[in-house]
Amino acid sequence: MSDKLPDKFEYRSNSGGVVFAWDNEEMTAFRVDSFKNFVPISDPDTSLKVWMRMSPVSREEAESILKASTDQP
């Protein structure tokens, strides 16, 4: 398992510790379930809310949040 997220996305997180990836080129959002599993958010309104309302985080911070969430039993 790789423990590095792709550089091509901007990352965001909500207050519940869920990581999201934003693709500026495609203007789409993904829920990041693991380092290799990006779930597309198909609803344009929800995708836009990820971009506009969720706090931006660095890729390193997103990796740390994701690693903490996957390390829990």
PDB file of N, CA and C in Angstrom:
ATOM      1  N   MET A   1       0.843  -1.193   0.000  1.00  0.00           N
ATOM      2  CA  MET A   1       0.000   0.000   0.000  1.00  0.00           C
ATOM      3  C   MET A   1       0.875   1.237   0.000  1.00  0.00           C
ATOM      4  N   SER A   2       0.624   2.117  -0.921  1.00  0.00           N
ATOM      5  CA  SER A   2       1.353   3.368  -0.971  1.00  0.00           C
ATOM      6  C   SER A   2       0.813   4.307   0.103  1.00  0.00           C
ATOM      7  N   ASP A   3       1.693   5.066   0.712  1.00  0.00           N
ATOM      8  CA  ASP A   3       1.228   6.014   1.713  1.00  0.00           C
ATOM      9  C   ASP A   3       1.469   7.440   1.251  1.00  0.00           C
ATOM     10  N   LYS A   4       1.282   7.645  -0.061  1.00  0.00           N
ATOM     11  CA  LYS A   4       1.437   8.971  -0.637  1.00  0.00           C
ATOM     12  C   LYS A   4       0.269   9.250  -1.580  1.00  0.00           C
ATOM     13  N   LEU A   5      -0.348  10.413  -1.418  1.00  0.00           N
ATOM     14  CA  LEU A   5      -1.459  10.816  -2.273  1.00  0.00           C
ATOM     15  C   LEU A   5      -0.919  11.522  -3.512  1.00  0.00           C
ATOM     16  N   PRO A   6      -1.638  11.449  -4.630  1.00  0.00           N
ATOM     17  CA  PRO A   6      -1.180  12.110  -5.863  1.00  0.00           C
ATOM     18  C   PRO A   6      -1.093  13.630  -5.696  1.00  0.00           C
ATOM     19  N   ASP A   7      -0.120  14.220  -6.364  1.00  0.00           N
ATOM     20  CA  ASP A   7       0.080  15.677  -6.322  1.00  0.00           C
ATOM     21  C   ASP A   7      -0.967  16.442  -7.130  1.00  0.00           C
ATOM     22  N   LYS A   8      -1.650  15.776  -8.044  1.00  0.00           N
ATOM     23  CA  LYS A   8      -2.521  16.485  -8.995  1.00  0.00           C
ATOM     24  C   LYS A   8      -3.781  17.071  -8.361  1.00  0.00           C
ATOM     25  N   PHE A   9      -4.106  16.668  -7.136  1.00  0.00           N
ATOM     26  CA  PHE A   9      -5.323  17.142  -6.486  1.00  0.00           C
ATOM     27  C   PHE A   9      -5.032  18.191  -5.411  1.00  0.00           C
ATOM     28  N   GLU A  10      -6.055  18.999  -5.117  1.00  0.00           N
ATOM     29  CA  GLU A  10      -6.069  19.803  -3.900  1.00  0.00           C
ATOM     30  C   GLU A  10      -6.826  18.961  -2.889  1.00  0.00           C
ATOM     31  N   TYR A  11      -6.421  19.016  -1.644  1.00  0.00           N
ATOM     32  CA  TYR A  11      -7.066  18.189  -0.625  1.00  0.00           C
ATOM     33  C   TYR A  11      -7.818  19.062   0.359  1.00  0.00           C
ATOM     34  N   ARG A  12      -8.928  18.499   0.854  1.00  0.00           N
ATOM     35  CA  ARG A  12      -9.774  19.183   1.815  1.00  0.00           C
ATOM     36  C   ARG A  12     -10.207  18.170   2.861  1.00  0.00           C
ATOM     37  N   SER A  13     -10.625  18.663   4.000  1.00  0.00           N
ATOM     38  CA  SER A  13     -11.092  17.771   5.056  1.00  0.00           C
ATOM     39  C   SER A  13     -12.271  18.425   5.750  1.00  0.00           C
ATOM     40  N   ASN A  14     -13.176  17.591   6.243  1.00  0.00           N
ATOM     41  CA  ASN A  14     -14.295  18.134   7.011  1.00  0.00           C
ATOM     42  C   ASN A  14     -14.018  17.947   8.495  1.00  0.00           C
ATOM     43  N   SER A  15     -14.927  18.405   9.332  1.00  0.00           N
ATOM     44  CA  SER A  15     -14.726  18.329  10.783  1.00  0.00           C
ATOM     45  C   SER A  15     -14.724  16.898  11.293  1.00  0.00           C
ATOM     46  N   GLY A  16     -15.230  15.961  10.517  1.00  0.00           N
ATOM     47  CA  GLY A  16     -15.258  14.565  10.914  1.00  0.00           C
ATOM     48  C   GLY A  16     -14.004  13.798  10.530  1.00  0.00           C
ATOM     49  N   GLY A  17     -13.027  14.486   9.939  1.00  0.00           N
ATOM     50  CA  GLY A  17     -11.783  13.835   9.573  1.00  0.00           C
ATOM     51  C   GLY A  17     -11.838  13.052   8.277  1.00  0.00           C
ATOM     52  N   VAL A  18     -12.810  13.363   7.421  1.00  0.00           N
ATOM     53  CA  VAL A  18     -12.895  12.713   6.111  1.00  0.00           C
ATOM     54  C   VAL A  18     -12.086  13.559   5.128  1.00  0.00           C
ATOM     55  N   VAL A  19     -11.283  12.890   4.313  1.00  0.00           N
ATOM     56  CA  VAL A  19     -10.448  13.573   3.326  1.00  0.00           C
ATOM     57  C   VAL A  19     -11.144  13.551   1.967  1.00  0.00           C
ATOM     58  N   PHE A  20     -11.095  14.693   1.284  1.00  0.00           N
ATOM     59  CA  PHE A  20     -11.636  14.822  -0.059  1.00  0.00           C
ATOM     60  C   PHE A  20     -10.538  15.342  -0.971  1.00  0.00           C
ATOM     61  N   ALA A  21     -10.596  14.954  -2.234  1.00  0.00           N
ATOM     62  CA  ALA A  21      -9.658  15.438  -3.247  1.00  0.00           C
ATOM     63  C   ALA A  21     -10.441  16.260  -4.256  1.00  0.00           C
ATOM     64  N   TRP A  22      -9.876  17.391  -4.660  1.00  0.00           N
ATOM     65  CA  TRP A  22     -10.498  18.259  -5.647  1.00  0.00           C
ATOM     66  C   TRP A  22      -9.605  18.329  -6.876  1.00  0.00           C
ATOM     67  N   ASP A  23     -10.192  18.039  -8.033  1.00  0.00           N
ATOM     68  CA  ASP A  23      -9.474  18.086  -9.301  1.00  0.00           C
ATOM     69  C   ASP A  23      -9.834  19.395  -9.999  1.00  0.00           C
ATOM     70  N   ASN A  24      -8.886  20.348 -10.044  1.00  0.00           N
ATOM     71  CA  ASN A  24      -9.141  21.652 -10.656  1.00  0.00           C
ATOM     72  C   ASN A  24      -9.406  21.568 -12.149  1.00  0.00           C
ATOM     73  N   GLU A  25      -8.727  20.655 -12.840  1.00  0.00           N
ATOM     74  CA  GLU A  25      -8.904  20.541 -14.287  1.00  0.00           C
ATOM     75  C   GLU A  25     -10.300  20.065 -14.645  1.00  0.00           C
ATOM     76  N   GLU A  26     -10.789  19.084 -13.932  1.00  0.00           N
ATOM     77  CA  GLU A  26     -12.096  18.494 -14.223  1.00  0.00           C
ATOM     78  C   GLU A  26     -13.222  19.116 -13.408  1.00  0.00           C
ATOM     79  N   MET A  27     -12.854  19.935 -12.408  1.00  0.00           N
ATOM     80  CA  MET A  27     -13.843  20.562 -11.505  1.00  0.00           C
ATOM     81  C   MET A  27     -14.728  19.498 -10.848  1.00  0.00           C
ATOM     82  N   THR A  28     -14.083  18.450 -10.340  1.00  0.00           N
ATOM     83  CA  THR A  28     -14.794  17.365  -9.688  1.00  0.00           C
ATOM     84  C   THR A  28     -14.135  17.039  -8.348  1.00  0.00           C
ATOM     85  N   ALA A  29     -14.937  16.421  -7.481  1.00  0.00           N
ATOM     86  CA  ALA A  29     -14.451  16.056  -6.153  1.00  0.00           C
ATOM     87  C   ALA A  29     -14.523  14.544  -5.972  1.00  0.00           C
ATOM     88  N   PHE A  30     -13.681  14.057  -5.073  1.00  0.00           N
ATOM     89  CA  PHE A  30     -13.631  12.649  -4.720  1.00  0.00           C
ATOM     90  C   PHE A  30     -13.550  12.525  -3.205  1.00  0.00           C
ATOM     91  N   ARG A  31     -14.208  11.522  -2.659  1.00  0.00           N
ATOM     92  CA  ARG A  31     -14.009  11.163  -1.256  1.00  0.00           C
ATOM     93  C   ARG A  31     -12.840  10.183  -1.244  1.00  0.00           C
ATOM     94  N   VAL A  32     -11.867  10.436  -0.398  1.00  0.00           N
ATOM     95  CA  VAL A  32     -10.685   9.586  -0.339  1.00  0.00           C
ATOM     96  C   VAL A  32     -10.879   8.572   0.784  1.00  0.00           C
ATOM     97  N   ASP A  33     -11.151   7.326   0.393  1.00  0.00           N
ATOM     98  CA  ASP A  33     -11.367   6.261   1.381  1.00  0.00           C
ATOM     99  C   ASP A  33     -10.061   5.608   1.818  1.00  0.00           C
ATOM    100  N   SER A  34      -9.080   5.613   0.937  1.00  0.00           N
ATOM    101  CA  SER A  34      -7.758   5.053   1.243  1.00  0.00           C
ATOM    102  C   SER A  34      -6.786   5.688   0.261  1.00  0.00           C
ATOM    103  N   PHE A  35      -5.511   5.355   0.405  1.00  0.00           N
ATOM    104  CA  PHE A  35      -4.511   5.942  -0.474  1.00  0.00           C
ATOM    105  C   PHE A  35      -4.718   5.558  -1.935  1.00  0.00           C
ATOM    106  N   LYS A  36      -5.463   4.491  -2.189  1.00  0.00           N
ATOM    107  CA  LYS A  36      -5.700   4.051  -3.572  1.00  0.00           C
ATOM    108  C   LYS A  36      -7.165   4.077  -3.981  1.00  0.00           C
ATOM    109  N   ASN A  37      -8.056   4.431  -3.062  1.00  0.00           N
ATOM    110  CA  ASN A  37      -9.486   4.403  -3.371  1.00  0.00           C
ATOM    111  C   ASN A  37     -10.087   5.798  -3.302  1.00  0.00           C
ATOM    112  N   PHE A  38     -10.309   6.391  -4.470  1.00  0.00           N
ATOM    113  CA  PHE A  38     -10.920   7.708  -4.594  1.00  0.00           C
ATOM    114  C   PHE A  38     -12.322   7.505  -5.161  1.00  0.00           C
ATOM    115  N   VAL A  39     -13.340   7.848  -4.385  1.00  0.00           N
ATOM    116  CA  VAL A  39     -14.722   7.649  -4.801  1.00  0.00           C
ATOM    117  C   VAL A  39     -15.249   8.951  -5.410  1.00  0.00           C
ATOM    118  N   PRO A  40     -15.606   8.946  -6.701  1.00  0.00           N
ATOM    119  CA  PRO A  40     -16.103  10.166  -7.338  1.00  0.00           C
ATOM    120  C   PRO A  40     -17.408  10.627  -6.698  1.00  0.00           C
ATOM    121  N   ILE A  41     -17.533  11.926  -6.543  1.00  0.00           N
ATOM    122  CA  ILE A  41     -18.787  12.516  -6.070  1.00  0.00           C
ATOM    123  C   ILE A  41     -19.505  12.993  -7.319  1.00  0.00           C
ATOM    124  N   SER A  42     -20.552  12.274  -7.689  1.00  0.00           N
ATOM    125  CA  SER A  42     -21.198  12.527  -8.980  1.00  0.00           C
ATOM    126  C   SER A  42     -22.174  13.704  -8.946  1.00  0.00           C
ATOM    127  N   ASP A  43     -22.687  14.044  -7.774  1.00  0.00           N
ATOM    128  CA  ASP A  43     -23.622  15.156  -7.670  1.00  0.00           C
ATOM    129  C   ASP A  43     -22.859  16.482  -7.755  1.00  0.00           C
ATOM    130  N   PRO A  44     -23.142  17.325  -8.763  1.00  0.00           N
ATOM    131  CA  PRO A  44     -22.391  18.574  -8.931  1.00  0.00           C
ATOM    132  C   PRO A  44     -22.531  19.523  -7.740  1.00  0.00           C
ATOM    133  N   ASP A  45     -23.696  19.561  -7.105  1.00  0.00           N
ATOM    134  CA  ASP A  45     -23.877  20.450  -5.946  1.00  0.00           C
ATOM    135  C   ASP A  45     -23.006  20.016  -4.778  1.00  0.00           C
ATOM    136  N   THR A  46     -22.954  18.721  -4.528  1.00  0.00           N
ATOM    137  CA  THR A  46     -22.117  18.202  -3.440  1.00  0.00           C
ATOM    138  C   THR A  46     -20.650  18.425  -3.764  1.00  0.00           C
ATOM    139  N   SER A  47     -20.270  18.200  -5.009  1.00  0.00           N
ATOM    140  CA  SER A  47     -18.896  18.416  -5.435  1.00  0.00           C
ATOM    141  C   SER A  47     -18.488  19.873  -5.212  1.00  0.00           C
ATOM    142  N   LEU A  48     -19.361  20.783  -5.571  1.00  0.00           N
ATOM    143  CA  LEU A  48     -19.095  22.210  -5.387  1.00  0.00           C
ATOM    144  C   LEU A  48     -18.979  22.570  -3.908  1.00  0.00           C
ATOM    145  N   LYS A  49     -19.790  21.949  -3.067  1.00  0.00           N
ATOM    146  CA  LYS A  49     -19.714  22.198  -1.625  1.00  0.00           C
ATOM    147  C   LYS A  49     -18.369  21.764  -1.062  1.00  0.00           C
ATOM    148  N   VAL A  50     -17.826  20.659  -1.574  1.00  0.00           N
ATOM    149  CA  VAL A  50     -16.497  20.208  -1.137  1.00  0.00           C
ATOM    150  C   VAL A  50     -15.482  21.314  -1.430  1.00  0.00           C
ATOM    151  N   TRP A  51     -15.538  21.860  -2.635  1.00  0.00           N
ATOM    152  CA  TRP A  51     -14.582  22.882  -3.052  1.00  0.00           C
ATOM    153  C   TRP A  51     -14.756  24.181  -2.273  1.00  0.00           C
ATOM    154  N   MET A  52     -15.998  24.606  -2.076  1.00  0.00           N
ATOM    155  CA  MET A  52     -16.250  25.920  -1.483  1.00  0.00           C
ATOM    156  C   MET A  52     -16.252  25.932   0.047  1.00  0.00           C
ATOM    157  N   ARG A  53     -16.709  24.871   0.675  1.00  0.00           N
ATOM    158  CA  ARG A  53     -16.962  24.923   2.118  1.00  0.00           C
ATOM    159  C   ARG A  53     -15.993  24.136   2.988  1.00  0.00           C
ATOM    160  N   MET A  54     -15.268  23.219   2.408  1.00  0.00           N
ATOM    161  CA  MET A  54     -14.378  22.400   3.238  1.00  0.00           C
ATOM    162  C   MET A  54     -13.013  23.043   3.343  1.00  0.00           C
ATOM    163  N   SER A  55     -12.412  22.856   4.487  1.00  0.00           N
ATOM    164  CA  SER A  55     -11.113  23.470   4.760  1.00  0.00           C
ATOM    165  C   SER A  55     -10.009  22.828   3.916  1.00  0.00           C
ATOM    166  N   PRO A  56      -9.241  23.650   3.178  1.00  0.00           N
ATOM    167  CA  PRO A  56      -8.110  23.103   2.435  1.00  0.00           C
ATOM    168  C   PRO A  56      -7.032  22.613   3.400  1.00  0.00           C
ATOM    169  N   VAL A  57      -6.394  21.522   3.038  1.00  0.00           N
ATOM    170  CA  VAL A  57      -5.271  20.992   3.810  1.00  0.00           C
ATOM    171  C   VAL A  57      -4.154  20.649   2.833  1.00  0.00           C
ATOM    172  N   SER A  58      -2.940  20.637   3.328  1.00  0.00           N
ATOM    173  CA  SER A  58      -1.814  20.240   2.472  1.00  0.00           C
ATOM    174  C   SER A  58      -1.914  18.747   2.175  1.00  0.00           C
ATOM    175  N   ARG A  59      -1.207  18.315   1.145  1.00  0.00           N
ATOM    176  CA  ARG A  59      -1.200  16.891   0.835  1.00  0.00           C
ATOM    177  C   ARG A  59      -0.662  16.091   2.012  1.00  0.00           C
ATOM    178  N   GLU A  60       0.359  16.615   2.669  1.00  0.00           N
ATOM    179  CA  GLU A  60       0.954  15.917   3.814  1.00  0.00           C
ATOM    180  C   GLU A  60      -0.052  15.792   4.962  1.00  0.00           C
ATOM    181  N   GLU A  61      -0.809  16.864   5.205  1.00  0.00           N
ATOM    182  CA  GLU A  61      -1.821  16.817   6.264  1.00  0.00           C
ATOM    183  C   GLU A  61      -2.931  15.825   5.898  1.00  0.00           C
ATOM    184  N   ALA A  62      -3.327  15.815   4.638  1.00  0.00           N
ATOM    185  CA  ALA A  62      -4.349  14.862   4.187  1.00  0.00           C
ATOM    186  C   ALA A  62      -3.855  13.431   4.379  1.00  0.00           C
ATOM    187  N   GLU A  63      -2.588  13.193   4.068  1.00  0.00           N
ATOM    188  CA  GLU A  63      -2.015  11.855   4.261  1.00  0.00           C
ATOM    189  C   GLU A  63      -2.029  11.464   5.735  1.00  0.00           C
ATOM    190  N   SER A  64      -1.711  12.417   6.601  1.00  0.00           N
ATOM    191  CA  SER A  64      -1.710  12.150   8.043  1.00  0.00           C
ATOM    192  C   SER A  64      -3.115  11.831   8.548  1.00  0.00           C
ATOM    193  N   ILE A  65      -4.104  12.600   8.104  1.00  0.00           N
ATOM    194  CA  ILE A  65      -5.501  12.351   8.501  1.00  0.00           C
ATOM    195  C   ILE A  65      -5.943  10.980   8.005  1.00  0.00           C
ATOM    196  N   LEU A  66      -5.615  10.675   6.762  1.00  0.00           N
ATOM    197  CA  LEU A  66      -6.010   9.392   6.169  1.00  0.00           C
ATOM    198  C   LEU A  66      -5.331   8.234   6.884  1.00  0.00           C
ATOM    199  N   LYS A  67      -4.058   8.392   7.175  1.00  0.00           N
ATOM    200  CA  LYS A  67      -3.319   7.319   7.869  1.00  0.00           C
ATOM    201  C   LYS A  67      -3.914   7.091   9.257  1.00  0.00           C
ATOM    202  N   ALA A  68      -4.273   8.157   9.964  1.00  0.00           N
ATOM    203  CA  ALA A  68      -4.870   8.022  11.298  1.00  0.00           C
ATOM    204  C   ALA A  68      -6.222   7.311  11.222  1.00  0.00           C
ATOM    205  N   SER A  69      -7.001   7.594  10.188  1.00  0.00           N
ATOM    206  CA  SER A  69      -8.322   6.985  10.074  1.00  0.00           C
ATOM    207  C   SER A  69      -8.221   5.511   9.669  1.00  0.00           C
ATOM    208  N   THR A  70      -7.197   5.136   8.911  1.00  0.00           N
ATOM    209  CA  THR A  70      -7.060   3.747   8.492  1.00  0.00           C
ATOM    210  C   THR A  70      -6.335   2.900   9.538  1.00  0.00           C
ATOM    211  N   ASP A  71      -5.657   3.537  10.490  1.00  0.00           N
ATOM    212  CA  ASP A  71      -4.966   2.803  11.549  1.00  0.00           C
ATOM    213  C   ASP A  71      -5.903   2.382  12.680  1.00  0.00           C
ATOM    214  N   GLN A  72      -7.112   2.948  12.707  1.00  0.00           N
ATOM    215  CA  GLN A  72      -8.059   2.609  13.765  1.00  0.00           C
ATOM    216  C   GLN A  72      -8.651   1.235  13.515  1.00  0.00           C
ATOM    217  N   PRO A  73      -8.869   0.449  14.606  1.00  0.00           N
ATOM    218  CA  PRO A  73      -9.449  -0.903  14.437  1.00  0.00           C
ATOM    219  C   PRO A  73     -10.881  -0.860  14.010  1.00  0.00           C
TER     220      PRO A  73
END
